[in-house]
Every structure is written in structure tokens, then in C-alpha cells.
C-alpha atoms as a PDB file:
ATOM      1  CA  UNK A   1      -9.459  -6.886  23.079  1.00  0.00           C
ATOM      2  CA  UNK A   2      -8.596  -7.413  19.467  1.00  0.00           C
ATOM      3  CA  UNK A   3      -5.372  -6.530  17.730  1.00  0.00           C
ATOM      4  CA  UNK A   4      -5.047  -3.409  16.196  1.00  0.00           C
ATOM      5  CA  UNK A   5      -5.990  -3.067  12.729  1.00  0.00           C
ATOM      6  CA  UNK A   6      -3.578  -2.795  10.115  1.00  0.00           C
ATOM      7  CA  UNK A   7      -5.263   0.152   8.498  1.00  0.00           C
ATOM      8  CA  UNK A   8      -4.429   1.341  12.305  1.00  0.00           C
ATOM      9  CA  UNK A   9      -0.911   0.642  12.533  1.00  0.00           C
ATOM     10  CA  UNK A  10      -0.501   2.322   8.595  1.00  0.00           C
ATOM     11  CA  UNK A  11       2.733   4.290   7.754  1.00  0.00           C
ATOM     12  CA  UNK A  12       2.709   8.038   6.475  1.00  0.00           C
ATOM     13  CA  UNK A  13       5.281   7.690   3.569  1.00  0.00           C
ATOM     14  CA  UNK A  14       5.483  11.446   3.747  1.00  0.00           C
ATOM     15  CA  UNK A  15       7.766  11.023   7.027  1.00  0.00           C
ATOM     16  CA  UNK A  16       9.812   8.386   5.851  1.00  0.00           C
ATOM     17  CA  UNK A  17      13.303   8.565   3.458  1.00  0.00           C
ATOM     18  CA  UNK A  18      13.042   6.341   0.412  1.00  0.00           C
ATOM     19  CA  UNK A  19      14.002   3.375   0.101  1.00  0.00           C
ATOM     20  CA  UNK A  20      12.102   2.567   2.982  1.00  0.00           C
ATOM     21  CA  UNK A  21      13.440  -0.814   4.839  1.00  0.00           C
ATOM     22  CA  UNK A  22      10.848  -2.614   6.608  1.00  0.00           C
ATOM     23  CA  UNK A  23       9.138  -5.736   7.688  1.00  0.00           C
ATOM     24  CA  UNK A  24       5.775  -7.215   7.740  1.00  0.00           C
ATOM     25  CA  UNK A  25       6.569  -9.967  10.899  1.00  0.00           C
ATOM     26  CA  UNK A  26       4.837  -9.299  14.001  1.00  0.00           C
ATOM     27  CA  UNK A  27       2.291  -7.174  11.787  1.00  0.00           C
ATOM     28  CA  UNK A  28      -1.492  -7.585  11.687  1.00  0.00           C
ATOM     29  CA  UNK A  29      -3.445  -9.624   9.225  1.00  0.00           C
ATOM     30  CA  UNK A  30      -6.196  -7.626   8.622  1.00  0.00           C
ATOM     31  CA  UNK A  31      -6.523  -6.954   4.625  1.00  0.00           C
ATOM     32  CA  UNK A  32      -7.027  -9.441   2.579  1.00  0.00           C
ATOM     33  CA  UNK A  33      -5.466  -8.157  -1.174  1.00  0.00           C
ATOM     34  CA  UNK A  34      -7.599  -8.245  -4.189  1.00  0.00           C
ATOM     35  CA  UNK A  35      -5.572 -10.456  -5.735  1.00  0.00           C
ATOM     36  CA  UNK A  36      -5.531 -13.260  -3.008  1.00  0.00           C
ATOM     37  CA  UNK A  37      -3.229 -14.421  -0.649  1.00  0.00           C
ATOM     38  CA  UNK A  38      -3.558 -13.903   3.496  1.00  0.00           C
ATOM     39  CA  UNK A  39      -0.702 -13.032   5.341  1.00  0.00           C
ATOM     40  CA  UNK A  40       0.840 -10.089   7.891  1.00  0.00           C
ATOM     41  CA  UNK A  41       0.917  -7.109   6.179  1.00  0.00           C
ATOM     42  CA  UNK A  42       1.609  -3.431   6.244  1.00  0.00           C
ATOM     43  CA  UNK A  43      -0.504  -0.500   4.735  1.00  0.00           C
ATOM     44  CA  UNK A  44       1.518   2.738   3.564  1.00  0.00           C
ATOM     45  CA  UNK A  45      -0.052   5.874   2.737  1.00  0.00           C
ATOM     46  CA  UNK A  46       0.996   9.299   1.329  1.00  0.00           C
ATOM     47  CA  UNK A  47      -1.350  12.022  -0.332  1.00  0.00           C
ATOM     48  CA  UNK A  48      -1.047  12.751  -3.627  1.00  0.00           C
ATOM     49  CA  UNK A  49      -2.089  16.452  -5.328  1.00  0.00           C
ATOM     50  CA  UNK A  50      -4.696  16.775  -7.814  1.00  0.00           C
ATOM     51  CA  UNK A  51      -2.382  15.955 -11.359  1.00  0.00           C
ATOM     52  CA  UNK A  52       0.021  14.244  -9.649  1.00  0.00           C
ATOM     53  CA  UNK A  53       1.603  11.046 -10.565  1.00  0.00           C
ATOM     54  CA  UNK A  54       2.539   8.070  -7.782  1.00  0.00           C
ATOM     55  CA  UNK A  55       4.785   5.826  -8.647  1.00  0.00           C
ATOM     56  CA  UNK A  56       5.553   3.013  -6.028  1.00  0.00           C
ATOM     57  CA  UNK A  57       6.776  -0.778  -5.531  1.00  0.00           C
ATOM     58  CA  UNK A  58       9.372  -2.915  -3.854  1.00  0.00           C
ATOM     59  CA  UNK A  59      13.151  -3.652  -5.149  1.00  0.00           C
ATOM     60  CA  UNK A  60      13.098  -6.716  -2.802  1.00  0.00           C
ATOM     61  CA  UNK A  61      11.923  -9.039  -0.470  1.00  0.00           C
ATOM     62  CA  UNK A  62      12.809 -12.407   1.199  1.00  0.00           C
ATOM     63  CA  UNK A  63       9.462 -14.138   0.556  1.00  0.00           C
ATOM     64  CA  UNK A  64       6.214 -14.385  -1.740  1.00  0.00           C
ATOM     65  CA  UNK A  65       4.622 -11.707  -1.281  1.00  0.00           C
ATOM     66  CA  UNK A  66       1.805  -9.868  -3.041  1.00  0.00           C
ATOM     67  CA  UNK A  67       1.349  -6.038  -2.814  1.00  0.00           C
ATOM     68  CA  UNK A  68      -1.476  -3.702  -3.606  1.00  0.00           C
ATOM     69  CA  UNK A  69      -2.233  -0.073  -4.775  1.00  0.00           C
ATOM     70  CA  UNK A  70      -5.513   1.744  -4.102  1.00  0.00           C
ATOM     71  CA  UNK A  71      -6.883   5.281  -3.871  1.00  0.00           C
ATOM     72  CA  UNK A  72      -9.286   7.086  -2.228  1.00  0.00           C
ATOM     73  CA  UNK A  73     -11.743   7.187   0.524  1.00  0.00           C
ATOM     74  CA  UNK A  74     -10.537   5.215   3.673  1.00  0.00           C
ATOM     75  CA  UNK A  75      -8.236   2.821   4.456  1.00  0.00           C
ATOM     76  CA  UNK A  76      -7.727   0.748   2.696  1.00  0.00           C
ATOM     77  CA  UNK A  77      -8.772   2.905  -0.545  1.00  0.00           C
ATOM     78  CA  UNK A  78     -12.068   2.480  -1.910  1.00  0.00           C
ATOM     79  CA  UNK A  79     -10.496   2.447  -5.611  1.00  0.00           C
ATOM     80  CA  UNK A  80      -8.134  -0.058  -6.902  1.00  0.00           C
ATOM     81  CA  UNK A  81      -5.284   1.068  -9.331  1.00  0.00           C
ATOM     82  CA  UNK A  82      -3.639  -2.986  -9.123  1.00  0.00           C
ATOM     83  CA  UNK A  83      -2.607  -5.476  -7.446  1.00  0.00           C
ATOM     84  CA  UNK A  84       0.314  -7.664  -8.198  1.00  0.00           C
ATOM     85  CA  UNK A  85       1.227 -11.836  -7.200  1.00  0.00           C
ATOM     86  CA  UNK A  86       4.340 -11.570  -9.367  1.00  0.00           C
ATOM     87  CA  UNK A  87       6.781 -10.311  -9.975  1.00  0.00           C
ATOM     88  CA  UNK A  88       7.597  -8.606  -6.556  1.00  0.00           C
ATOM     89  CA  UNK A  89       8.899  -6.248  -8.037  1.00  0.00           C
ATOM     90  CA  UNK A  90       6.366  -5.022 -10.566  1.00  0.00           C
ATOM     91  CA  UNK A  91       5.902  -1.101  -9.771  1.00  0.00           C
ATOM     92  CA  UNK A  92       2.379   0.834  -9.774  1.00  0.00           C
ATOM     93  CA  UNK A  93       1.379   3.773 -11.132  1.00  0.00           C
ATOM     94  CA  UNK A  94      -1.398   6.369 -11.031  1.00  0.00           C
ATOM     95  CA  UNK A  95      -2.178   9.573 -11.644  1.00  0.00           C
ATOM     96  CA  UNK A  96      -4.730  11.412  -9.863  1.00  0.00           C
ATOM     97  CA  UNK A  97      -7.318  12.700 -12.256  1.00  0.00           C
ATOM     98  CA  UNK A  98      -9.064  14.182  -9.620  1.00  0.00           C
ATOM     99  CA  UNK A  99      -9.954  17.771  -8.923  1.00  0.00           C
ATOM    100  CA  UNK A 100      -8.245  17.232  -4.911  1.00  0.00           C
ATOM    101  CA  UNK A 101      -5.888  16.329  -3.029  1.00  0.00           C
ATOM    102  CA  UNK A 102      -6.266  12.075  -2.573  1.00  0.00           C
ATOM    103  CA  UNK A 103      -4.521   9.517  -0.621  1.00  0.00           C
ATOM    104  CA  UNK A 104      -3.013   6.468  -2.009  1.00  0.00           C
ATOM    105  CA  UNK A 105      -2.956   3.335  -0.086  1.00  0.00           C
ATOM    106  CA  UNK A 106       0.609   0.588  -0.638  1.00  0.00           C
ATOM    107  CA  UNK A 107      -0.591  -3.003   0.787  1.00  0.00           C
ATOM    108  CA  UNK A 108       2.478  -5.336   1.469  1.00  0.00           C
END
């Protein structure tokens, strides 16, 4: 059988403590970022309440990564907030202007 997708292995950030230290080594390679690149990725998600703001990013890594933030719909998210190649530590921010809670996805 095929390996699990990165969405099947997505991590709920509400169950984690910030800052989170993790690795993409051995992770699936099933989602291509909208700003290019290919490689193992991890997907993280969190529910953002109506009117809530999400600011998310990486503080450090040891490789040339890309990261993408999306929201709404099923994984990996129907709507693009931002996709960044460089700098790797650039944070993304998104305000949920919808009338209901929305799931946001952060893909590294």
C-alpha cells in the first residue's frame, strides 16, 4: 500500500506546546508548495475562531525550506495566505474574517 499522505499525518497544534521542535526527516512528500520546491513536508493545523488572528512561522532550521500557510476546506487548505521560499524565518499572519471558526494549515 502507498505511504500515508502528509495530510493524514497532520499535527494539531492545539495539542502541542510552543515552540515546537520537530523534523521533516522521514516525513511524506505528498504536497508541493505553491511557491515551488519538493521534499519531505510536515503539515500542522489549528482552529482559528471568527475574528481571531494567527501568526505562525519557523525560528530555525538547518536546510533551505519553503513554508506555506493556507486556510479553509480540507487539508492542505483551500485558500492561500502566503508561501515563502526565503527568508525561512519569515512569519505569516492571517485574520479570520469569516463568520465561523476556520482551520488554518502551516506546511513546512
